[in-house]
């Protein structure tokens, strides 16, 4: 009798191990095929057991998986509505300090008009101070020549329009900038390119238009942020003169809150918006100190919010644009577990990219019902996906797959990842 129980138990154990062995085999084949470095962790948050561990203790470039760390830090520090600015009235003057709010007039996020209405309604002289801003406009480890692209706007204390402007071509052929403030910076080159292009100078907003044989209808360009540009843009927008006066942040300043936080978290996590991530991290620093500084936010979060993660963090920015960031798959899985235990499931999943439905995995992992909710991370030669996988039996598992240093097509790598996730869906 006991022998029967023993063999039945052994058989059950071997059957349960079979999917794990199969996955480890496929992961090894993936590394051989793509000649990359692969790390993978699969975890059951109910049983608290690691189901698959493949190089999960090794460090990888996370790319936009870094936003998961920014997301958690923001959830813990920023509250339901984001801090917009601090202000203090002194006689006939209103002193304003930005709090790094990325939503102000940002065309890609929900607008409730609270900050704009507040500033527009003021009768005092408005003075803008940026004395509380202590961050490089471009982060450590960012590609320097990405400054021209919309995924890499400069960081700033009081963003306007997502720190981007557009140039469009009218039917007449005339170029038009929005906001119109930037139109006066535009000159036309006599050089002709194969494709129409507009290039902004690295350290100014001087714009050069290059005619081309292949037309372009619209350009979206980050603007170079200076105190004067901020004041001029704000003046044009409010129809109210704004001057720069760099006064230290007053201890008596009043905090104005603006946009619902989830409306920005959704864009950051679903669409992988780099600018929002960078600014949210600055905002976190402003809550725990008097300064907008990524380093302050990262140090605080590492010491006070993330000290229980299994591996030391090498974390340098909010978005993951930096190649200096390094995390392990098992650390990301543990962070997801923390988030899953603290944020209601319905709310959390509504903020993430959904396989086959929305965000950066809209065209991948298609199934009905949705079985992948997560966050991608992509830089050239690097791709990661971490999040939640709902199996055929209804189990919710947490996973992190990180692939670095491949030279093959990222499409082929994603197909391999899809094969792996489908196997997990079926076997677990």
Foldseek 3Di string as FASTA:
>chain_A
DVVVVVVVVVVVVVLLCVLQVVLLVLQVVLCVVQVWDKWKWWAFLVVRDTSHGDQLVDKDQAFQLLLLLLVVLLVVFAPQFGFAWWWDDDPQEIEIWFLLQLPAQAPLFDFPCPVLVVVLPRPGAYAYAHLQEDEFQFFPQFDLVCQWALLGAGGGRHDHRSQKKKWFADPVRDIAIVVNVLVVLEDEDPAADQEWDWDADSQARRIYTHHHPHYDGMGMGGGHDDPVVVQVVSCVVSVHHYHYDHDQDDPPIDIDTGGGPLRLLLCCAQAVRQSSQQSSLLSSQVRVHVHRYNVSSVVCCCVPPQVPFDDDWQRTGRRSSHSRGMDGFSSSLVSQSVVPVPDPPVSVQSSFHWACCTGPNVPHCDDVPTFDTWGWRDDVQWIKTWDWGQAPVGRIMTMIMIIGRGPDDVVVVRVSVSVSSNSVNHSD
